[in-house]
Amino acid sequence: IRELMSLALERADQELSESMKNQGYQIEKKNQRSINMAFGEATYVRRRYVKAGQESRYPLDKFMGFDKYKHYSVLAVRNILEVSSVATYRNTALAVNCLSGFNISHAQIGNLVKTAGQKIKEQQEADSRYDAQTAKKQVPVLYLE
């Protein structure tokens, strides 16, 4: 499964190449990246694109939702967080190491939990700011039935 996923990611990167070239980007270099997924570690080669006056980018990472400097897929993180909600970090690490194709320490699990908590908090604050922007109507009398 890991090899098939690696091939699929490289093929998706090739398909994204055409649209990037149409937008005026050029291939700067190819980098190898490994990401831990629910079924194990998948290693693939991705293209880095540059364009004058803009930051370089990896369109495959954006397309797949892989965060910069993170080594776990969204599904792997979700599974880890689900187990960590009912077990200690050490027991979660033991379960992940036994049942998945990659190893993780209890400290890394703690970091994933903290990062997820920060993202949830940011999302809640963004939602509350949106709610605060709606103006409430002031009425002189309110009738209830």
N, C-alpha and C. Protein backbone atom coordinates (compact mmCIF):
# COMPACT_ATOMS: atom_id res chain seq x y z
N ILE A 1 0.84 -1.19 0.00
CA ILE A 1 0.00 0.00 0.00
C ILE A 1 0.88 1.25 0.00
N ARG A 2 1.98 1.18 0.76
CA ARG A 2 2.87 2.35 0.82
C ARG A 2 3.46 2.66 -0.55
N GLU A 3 3.87 1.63 -1.27
CA GLU A 3 4.45 1.84 -2.60
C GLU A 3 3.41 2.40 -3.57
N LEU A 4 2.19 1.88 -3.50
CA LEU A 4 1.12 2.39 -4.36
C LEU A 4 0.81 3.85 -4.05
N MET A 5 0.80 4.19 -2.76
CA MET A 5 0.54 5.58 -2.37
C MET A 5 1.66 6.48 -2.85
N SER A 6 2.90 6.02 -2.77
CA SER A 6 4.03 6.81 -3.25
C SER A 6 3.91 7.06 -4.75
N LEU A 7 3.56 6.03 -5.49
CA LEU A 7 3.37 6.19 -6.94
C LEU A 7 2.21 7.13 -7.25
N ALA A 8 1.13 7.01 -6.51
CA ALA A 8 -0.03 7.88 -6.74
C ALA A 8 0.32 9.34 -6.45
N LEU A 9 1.09 9.59 -5.40
CA LEU A 9 1.49 10.96 -5.07
C LEU A 9 2.41 11.54 -6.15
N GLU A 10 3.32 10.74 -6.65
CA GLU A 10 4.21 11.22 -7.70
C GLU A 10 3.44 11.48 -8.99
N ARG A 11 2.45 10.66 -9.26
CA ARG A 11 1.62 10.89 -10.47
C ARG A 11 0.79 12.17 -10.31
N ALA A 12 0.25 12.40 -9.13
CA ALA A 12 -0.51 13.62 -8.89
C ALA A 12 0.40 14.84 -9.05
N ASP A 13 1.64 14.72 -8.61
CA ASP A 13 2.61 15.80 -8.76
C ASP A 13 2.87 16.09 -10.24
N GLN A 14 2.95 15.05 -11.04
CA GLN A 14 3.15 15.24 -12.48
C GLN A 14 1.96 15.95 -13.10
N GLU A 15 0.76 15.60 -12.69
CA GLU A 15 -0.44 16.23 -13.24
C GLU A 15 -0.55 17.69 -12.82
N LEU A 16 -0.10 18.01 -11.62
CA LEU A 16 -0.11 19.41 -11.16
C LEU A 16 0.94 20.24 -11.89
N SER A 17 1.91 19.58 -12.48
CA SER A 17 3.00 20.27 -13.17
C SER A 17 2.49 21.14 -14.31
N GLU A 18 1.54 20.62 -15.07
CA GLU A 18 1.01 21.38 -16.22
C GLU A 18 0.35 22.68 -15.78
N SER A 19 -0.49 22.60 -14.77
CA SER A 19 -1.18 23.82 -14.32
C SER A 19 -0.21 24.83 -13.74
N MET A 20 0.83 24.38 -13.08
CA MET A 20 1.82 25.29 -12.51
C MET A 20 2.61 25.98 -13.64
N LYS A 21 2.95 25.24 -14.67
CA LYS A 21 3.67 25.83 -15.80
C LYS A 21 2.79 26.84 -16.53
N ASN A 22 1.50 26.56 -16.62
CA ASN A 22 0.57 27.50 -17.25
C ASN A 22 0.44 28.79 -16.46
N GLN A 23 0.68 28.74 -15.14
CA GLN A 23 0.62 29.92 -14.29
C GLN A 23 1.95 30.68 -14.28
N GLY A 24 2.93 30.20 -15.00
CA GLY A 24 4.21 30.89 -15.10
C GLY A 24 5.28 30.42 -14.14
N TYR A 25 5.04 29.33 -13.43
CA TYR A 25 6.03 28.79 -12.50
C TYR A 25 7.01 27.89 -13.24
N GLN A 26 8.20 27.80 -12.69
CA GLN A 26 9.23 26.90 -13.23
C GLN A 26 9.67 25.94 -12.14
N ILE A 27 10.06 24.75 -12.56
CA ILE A 27 10.54 23.76 -11.59
C ILE A 27 11.94 24.16 -11.13
N GLU A 28 12.07 24.33 -9.83
CA GLU A 28 13.38 24.67 -9.26
C GLU A 28 14.18 23.41 -8.97
N LYS A 29 13.54 22.47 -8.30
CA LYS A 29 14.20 21.21 -7.96
C LYS A 29 13.18 20.19 -7.53
N LYS A 30 13.63 18.95 -7.38
CA LYS A 30 12.79 17.88 -6.86
C LYS A 30 13.34 17.46 -5.51
N ASN A 31 12.45 17.29 -4.55
CA ASN A 31 12.83 16.87 -3.21
C ASN A 31 12.09 15.60 -2.85
N GLN A 32 12.74 14.80 -2.02
CA GLN A 32 12.10 13.61 -1.50
C GLN A 32 11.51 13.93 -0.14
N ARG A 33 10.32 13.41 0.13
CA ARG A 33 9.66 13.64 1.40
C ARG A 33 9.01 12.35 1.87
N SER A 34 9.03 12.15 3.16
CA SER A 34 8.35 11.00 3.77
C SER A 34 7.26 11.51 4.69
N ILE A 35 6.13 10.85 4.64
CA ILE A 35 5.02 11.22 5.51
C ILE A 35 4.41 9.95 6.08
N ASN A 36 4.12 9.98 7.36
CA ASN A 36 3.52 8.82 8.03
C ASN A 36 2.02 8.87 7.86
N MET A 37 1.50 7.81 7.26
CA MET A 37 0.07 7.71 7.04
C MET A 37 -0.47 6.59 7.91
N ALA A 38 -1.75 6.40 7.92
CA ALA A 38 -2.38 5.40 8.78
C ALA A 38 -1.82 4.00 8.54
N PHE A 39 -1.36 3.72 7.34
CA PHE A 39 -0.87 2.39 6.99
C PHE A 39 0.65 2.29 7.00
N GLY A 40 1.34 3.39 7.28
CA GLY A 40 2.80 3.36 7.34
C GLY A 40 3.40 4.58 6.66
N GLU A 41 4.73 4.54 6.52
CA GLU A 41 5.44 5.68 5.97
C GLU A 41 5.50 5.58 4.45
N ALA A 42 5.08 6.63 3.78
CA ALA A 42 5.15 6.71 2.32
C ALA A 42 6.19 7.76 1.95
N THR A 43 7.10 7.38 1.05
CA THR A 43 8.14 8.29 0.58
C THR A 43 7.89 8.58 -0.88
N TYR A 44 7.95 9.86 -1.25
CA TYR A 44 7.68 10.25 -2.62
C TYR A 44 8.57 11.43 -3.00
N VAL A 45 8.63 11.70 -4.29
CA VAL A 45 9.40 12.83 -4.82
C VAL A 45 8.40 13.88 -5.28
N ARG A 46 8.65 15.12 -4.89
CA ARG A 46 7.76 16.23 -5.26
C ARG A 46 8.57 17.35 -5.88
N ARG A 47 7.90 18.17 -6.68
CA ARG A 47 8.56 19.28 -7.35
C ARG A 47 8.37 20.58 -6.57
N ARG A 48 9.42 21.38 -6.56
CA ARG A 48 9.34 22.72 -5.95
C ARG A 48 9.35 23.72 -7.09
N TYR A 49 8.39 24.65 -7.07
CA TYR A 49 8.21 25.62 -8.14
C TYR A 49 8.57 27.02 -7.66
N VAL A 50 9.12 27.81 -8.57
CA VAL A 50 9.44 29.20 -8.27
C VAL A 50 8.87 30.08 -9.37
N LYS A 51 8.61 31.33 -8.99
CA LYS A 51 8.14 32.35 -9.92
C LYS A 51 8.68 33.68 -9.43
N ALA A 52 9.11 34.51 -10.34
CA ALA A 52 9.70 35.79 -9.97
C ALA A 52 8.71 36.62 -9.14
N GLY A 53 9.18 37.12 -8.01
CA GLY A 53 8.35 37.96 -7.16
C GLY A 53 7.41 37.21 -6.23
N GLN A 54 7.47 35.88 -6.21
CA GLN A 54 6.59 35.10 -5.34
C GLN A 54 7.41 34.04 -4.61
N GLU A 55 6.84 33.54 -3.53
CA GLU A 55 7.50 32.49 -2.76
C GLU A 55 7.48 31.18 -3.53
N SER A 56 8.48 30.35 -3.25
CA SER A 56 8.48 29.02 -3.86
C SER A 56 7.38 28.20 -3.20
N ARG A 57 6.91 27.18 -3.90
CA ARG A 57 5.80 26.38 -3.36
C ARG A 57 5.87 24.94 -3.84
N TYR A 58 5.24 24.11 -3.03
CA TYR A 58 5.05 22.69 -3.34
C TYR A 58 3.55 22.47 -3.54
N PRO A 59 3.05 22.47 -4.75
CA PRO A 59 1.61 22.35 -4.96
C PRO A 59 1.04 21.00 -4.51
N LEU A 60 1.84 19.94 -4.55
CA LEU A 60 1.35 18.64 -4.12
C LEU A 60 1.02 18.65 -2.63
N ASP A 61 1.88 19.28 -1.84
CA ASP A 61 1.63 19.34 -0.40
C ASP A 61 0.35 20.12 -0.10
N LYS A 62 0.14 21.21 -0.81
CA LYS A 62 -1.08 21.99 -0.62
C LYS A 62 -2.30 21.19 -1.05
N PHE A 63 -2.19 20.51 -2.18
CA PHE A 63 -3.28 19.71 -2.72
C PHE A 63 -3.67 18.59 -1.74
N MET A 64 -2.68 17.97 -1.12
CA MET A 64 -2.92 16.85 -0.21
C MET A 64 -3.22 17.30 1.22
N GLY A 65 -2.98 18.56 1.54
CA GLY A 65 -3.23 19.06 2.89
C GLY A 65 -2.13 18.74 3.87
N PHE A 66 -0.91 18.50 3.35
CA PHE A 66 0.23 18.22 4.22
C PHE A 66 0.81 19.54 4.70
N ASP A 67 0.92 19.69 6.01
CA ASP A 67 1.49 20.90 6.59
C ASP A 67 3.00 20.91 6.44
N LYS A 68 3.54 22.11 6.38
CA LYS A 68 4.98 22.29 6.29
C LYS A 68 5.63 21.76 7.57
N TYR A 69 6.69 21.02 7.44
CA TYR A 69 7.47 20.46 8.55
C TYR A 69 6.71 19.43 9.39
N LYS A 70 5.57 18.98 8.95
CA LYS A 70 4.83 17.95 9.67
C LYS A 70 5.02 16.63 8.93
N HIS A 71 5.09 15.55 9.69
CA HIS A 71 5.38 14.25 9.09
C HIS A 71 4.25 13.25 9.23
N TYR A 72 3.05 13.74 9.53
CA TYR A 72 1.91 12.86 9.72
C TYR A 72 0.74 13.33 8.88
N SER A 73 0.04 12.38 8.26
CA SER A 73 -1.13 12.73 7.48
C SER A 73 -2.28 13.08 8.42
N VAL A 74 -3.30 13.69 7.86
CA VAL A 74 -4.46 14.11 8.65
C VAL A 74 -5.15 12.90 9.28
N LEU A 75 -5.28 11.81 8.53
CA LEU A 75 -5.93 10.61 9.06
C LEU A 75 -5.11 9.98 10.17
N ALA A 76 -3.79 9.95 10.01
CA ALA A 76 -2.93 9.38 11.06
C ALA A 76 -3.05 10.20 12.34
N VAL A 77 -3.05 11.52 12.22
CA VAL A 77 -3.19 12.38 13.39
C VAL A 77 -4.55 12.17 14.04
N ARG A 78 -5.59 12.06 13.24
CA ARG A 78 -6.93 11.85 13.79
C ARG A 78 -7.00 10.54 14.57
N ASN A 79 -6.41 9.49 14.01
CA ASN A 79 -6.41 8.20 14.70
C ASN A 79 -5.61 8.26 16.00
N ILE A 80 -4.47 8.91 15.96
CA ILE A 80 -3.64 9.05 17.16
C ILE A 80 -4.39 9.83 18.24
N LEU A 81 -5.03 10.92 17.84
CA LEU A 81 -5.76 11.74 18.81
C LEU A 81 -6.95 10.99 19.40
N GLU A 82 -7.58 10.16 18.60
CA GLU A 82 -8.72 9.39 19.09
C GLU A 82 -8.27 8.41 20.16
N VAL A 83 -7.14 7.74 19.94
CA VAL A 83 -6.63 6.80 20.95
C VAL A 83 -6.15 7.56 22.18
N SER A 84 -5.50 8.71 21.97
CA SER A 84 -4.95 9.45 23.11
C SER A 84 -6.04 10.05 23.99
N SER A 85 -7.26 10.14 23.48
CA SER A 85 -8.35 10.68 24.30
C SER A 85 -8.82 9.70 25.36
N VAL A 86 -8.49 8.41 25.21
CA VAL A 86 -8.90 7.40 26.19
C VAL A 86 -7.72 6.68 26.84
N ALA A 87 -6.50 7.07 26.48
CA ALA A 87 -5.32 6.40 27.02
C ALA A 87 -4.23 7.43 27.31
N THR A 88 -3.23 7.02 28.06
CA THR A 88 -2.09 7.90 28.32
C THR A 88 -1.26 8.03 27.05
N TYR A 89 -0.39 9.03 27.02
CA TYR A 89 0.46 9.22 25.85
C TYR A 89 1.38 8.02 25.63
N ARG A 90 1.89 7.44 26.70
CA ARG A 90 2.77 6.27 26.57
C ARG A 90 2.00 5.06 26.01
N ASN A 91 0.79 4.84 26.51
CA ASN A 91 -0.01 3.73 25.99
C ASN A 91 -0.45 3.98 24.56
N THR A 92 -0.71 5.22 24.23
CA THR A 92 -1.06 5.57 22.85
C THR A 92 0.13 5.29 21.93
N ALA A 93 1.32 5.68 22.37
CA ALA A 93 2.53 5.42 21.58
C ALA A 93 2.73 3.93 21.38
N LEU A 94 2.51 3.16 22.42
CA LEU A 94 2.64 1.70 22.32
C LEU A 94 1.65 1.13 21.32
N ALA A 95 0.40 1.60 21.38
CA ALA A 95 -0.63 1.11 20.45
C ALA A 95 -0.29 1.48 19.01
N VAL A 96 0.12 2.73 18.80
CA VAL A 96 0.45 3.17 17.44
C VAL A 96 1.65 2.39 16.90
N ASN A 97 2.66 2.21 17.73
CA ASN A 97 3.86 1.50 17.29
C ASN A 97 3.57 0.04 16.96
N CYS A 98 2.64 -0.56 17.68
CA CYS A 98 2.29 -1.96 17.42
C CYS A 98 1.37 -2.13 16.22
N LEU A 99 0.47 -1.18 16.03
CA LEU A 99 -0.59 -1.37 15.04
C LEU A 99 -0.39 -0.64 13.72
N SER A 100 0.57 0.25 13.65
CA SER A 100 0.77 0.99 12.41
C SER A 100 2.16 0.67 11.85
N GLY A 101 2.44 1.21 10.70
CA GLY A 101 3.72 0.96 10.04
C GLY A 101 4.77 1.99 10.37
N PHE A 102 4.61 2.75 11.43
CA PHE A 102 5.62 3.74 11.83
C PHE A 102 5.69 3.81 13.34
N ASN A 103 6.76 4.43 13.84
CA ASN A 103 6.97 4.58 15.28
C ASN A 103 6.80 6.03 15.67
N ILE A 104 6.30 6.23 16.89
CA ILE A 104 6.10 7.57 17.42
C ILE A 104 6.35 7.51 18.93
N SER A 105 6.89 8.57 19.47
CA SER A 105 7.16 8.61 20.90
C SER A 105 5.99 9.26 21.63
N HIS A 106 5.97 9.07 22.96
CA HIS A 106 4.89 9.68 23.75
C HIS A 106 5.01 11.21 23.73
N ALA A 107 6.24 11.73 23.61
CA ALA A 107 6.43 13.18 23.53
C ALA A 107 5.85 13.73 22.23
N GLN A 108 6.02 13.00 21.13
CA GLN A 108 5.45 13.45 19.85
C GLN A 108 3.93 13.43 19.91
N ILE A 109 3.37 12.47 20.61
CA ILE A 109 1.91 12.41 20.76
C ILE A 109 1.44 13.63 21.54
N GLY A 110 2.17 13.98 22.60
CA GLY A 110 1.83 15.18 23.36
C GLY A 110 1.87 16.42 22.49
N ASN A 111 2.86 16.51 21.62
CA ASN A 111 2.95 17.66 20.70
C ASN A 111 1.78 17.69 19.74
N LEU A 112 1.37 16.52 19.22
CA LEU A 112 0.22 16.47 18.32
C LEU A 112 -1.06 16.91 19.03
N VAL A 113 -1.23 16.50 20.28
CA VAL A 113 -2.41 16.88 21.05
C VAL A 113 -2.42 18.39 21.28
N LYS A 114 -1.27 18.96 21.63
CA LYS A 114 -1.18 20.41 21.86
C LYS A 114 -1.46 21.18 20.58
N THR A 115 -0.90 20.73 19.47
CA THR A 115 -1.12 21.41 18.19
C THR A 115 -2.60 21.35 17.80
N ALA A 116 -3.21 20.19 17.98
CA ALA A 116 -4.64 20.05 17.65
C ALA A 116 -5.48 20.97 18.53
N GLY A 117 -5.12 21.06 19.80
CA GLY A 117 -5.84 21.95 20.71
C GLY A 117 -5.72 23.40 20.30
N GLN A 118 -4.53 23.81 19.87
CA GLN A 118 -4.35 25.19 19.40
C GLN A 118 -5.18 25.47 18.16
N LYS A 119 -5.22 24.50 17.24
CA LYS A 119 -6.02 24.69 16.02
C LYS A 119 -7.51 24.79 16.35
N ILE A 120 -7.96 23.98 17.27
CA ILE A 120 -9.38 24.03 17.68
C ILE A 120 -9.69 25.38 18.32
N LYS A 121 -8.78 25.85 19.17
CA LYS A 121 -8.99 27.14 19.84
C LYS A 121 -9.02 28.28 18.81
N GLU A 122 -8.11 28.25 17.83
CA GLU A 122 -8.10 29.28 16.79
C GLU A 122 -9.40 29.25 15.99
N GLN A 123 -9.89 28.05 15.70
CA GLN A 123 -11.13 27.92 14.94
C GLN A 123 -12.31 28.46 15.74
N GLN A 124 -12.35 28.16 17.03
CA GLN A 124 -13.43 28.66 17.88
C GLN A 124 -13.38 30.18 17.98
N GLU A 125 -12.18 30.75 18.10
CA GLU A 125 -12.06 32.21 18.17
C GLU A 125 -12.48 32.85 16.86
N ALA A 126 -12.14 32.22 15.74
CA ALA A 126 -12.55 32.75 14.45
C ALA A 126 -14.06 32.70 14.31
N ASP A 127 -14.68 31.62 14.79
CA ASP A 127 -16.13 31.50 14.74
C ASP A 127 -16.80 32.54 15.64
N SER A 128 -16.23 32.76 16.83
CA SER A 128 -16.84 33.73 17.74
C SER A 128 -16.70 35.15 17.20
N ARG A 129 -15.59 35.45 16.52
CA ARG A 129 -15.44 36.78 15.91
C ARG A 129 -16.47 36.97 14.80
N TYR A 130 -16.76 35.92 14.08
CA TYR A 130 -17.77 36.01 13.02
C TYR A 130 -19.15 36.25 13.64
N ASP A 131 -19.44 35.57 14.74
CA ASP A 131 -20.73 35.76 15.41
C ASP A 131 -20.86 37.17 15.97
N ALA A 132 -19.76 37.75 16.43
CA ALA A 132 -19.80 39.09 17.03
C ALA A 132 -20.06 40.17 15.97
N GLN A 133 -19.79 39.88 14.71
CA GLN A 133 -19.95 40.88 13.66
C GLN A 133 -21.40 41.06 13.24
N THR A 134 -22.25 40.11 13.54
CA THR A 134 -23.66 40.26 13.16
C THR A 134 -24.33 41.23 14.13
N ALA A 135 -24.89 42.27 13.58
CA ALA A 135 -25.55 43.29 14.40
C ALA A 135 -26.92 42.77 14.84
N LYS A 136 -27.21 42.93 16.11
CA LYS A 136 -28.50 42.49 16.63
C LYS A 136 -29.47 43.65 16.57
N LYS A 137 -30.68 43.32 16.25
CA LYS A 137 -31.72 44.31 16.11
C LYS A 137 -32.27 44.69 17.48
N GLN A 138 -32.36 45.96 17.74
CA GLN A 138 -32.94 46.45 18.99
C GLN A 138 -34.41 46.77 18.74
N VAL A 139 -35.28 46.15 19.52
CA VAL A 139 -36.71 46.39 19.39
C VAL A 139 -37.23 46.99 20.69
N PRO A 140 -38.21 47.87 20.59
CA PRO A 140 -38.74 48.48 21.81
C PRO A 140 -39.50 47.49 22.68
N VAL A 141 -40.23 46.55 22.06
CA VAL A 141 -41.02 45.58 22.81
C VAL A 141 -40.84 44.21 22.13
N LEU A 142 -40.65 43.19 22.91
CA LEU A 142 -40.52 41.83 22.39
C LEU A 142 -41.69 41.00 22.89
N TYR A 143 -42.46 40.46 21.98
CA TYR A 143 -43.61 39.64 22.34
C TYR A 143 -43.25 38.18 22.19
N LEU A 144 -43.55 37.37 23.20
CA LEU A 144 -43.30 35.93 23.18
C LEU A 144 -44.63 35.21 23.29
N GLU A 145 -44.79 34.12 22.59
CA GLU A 145 -46.01 33.31 22.70
C GLU A 145 -45.72 32.04 23.46
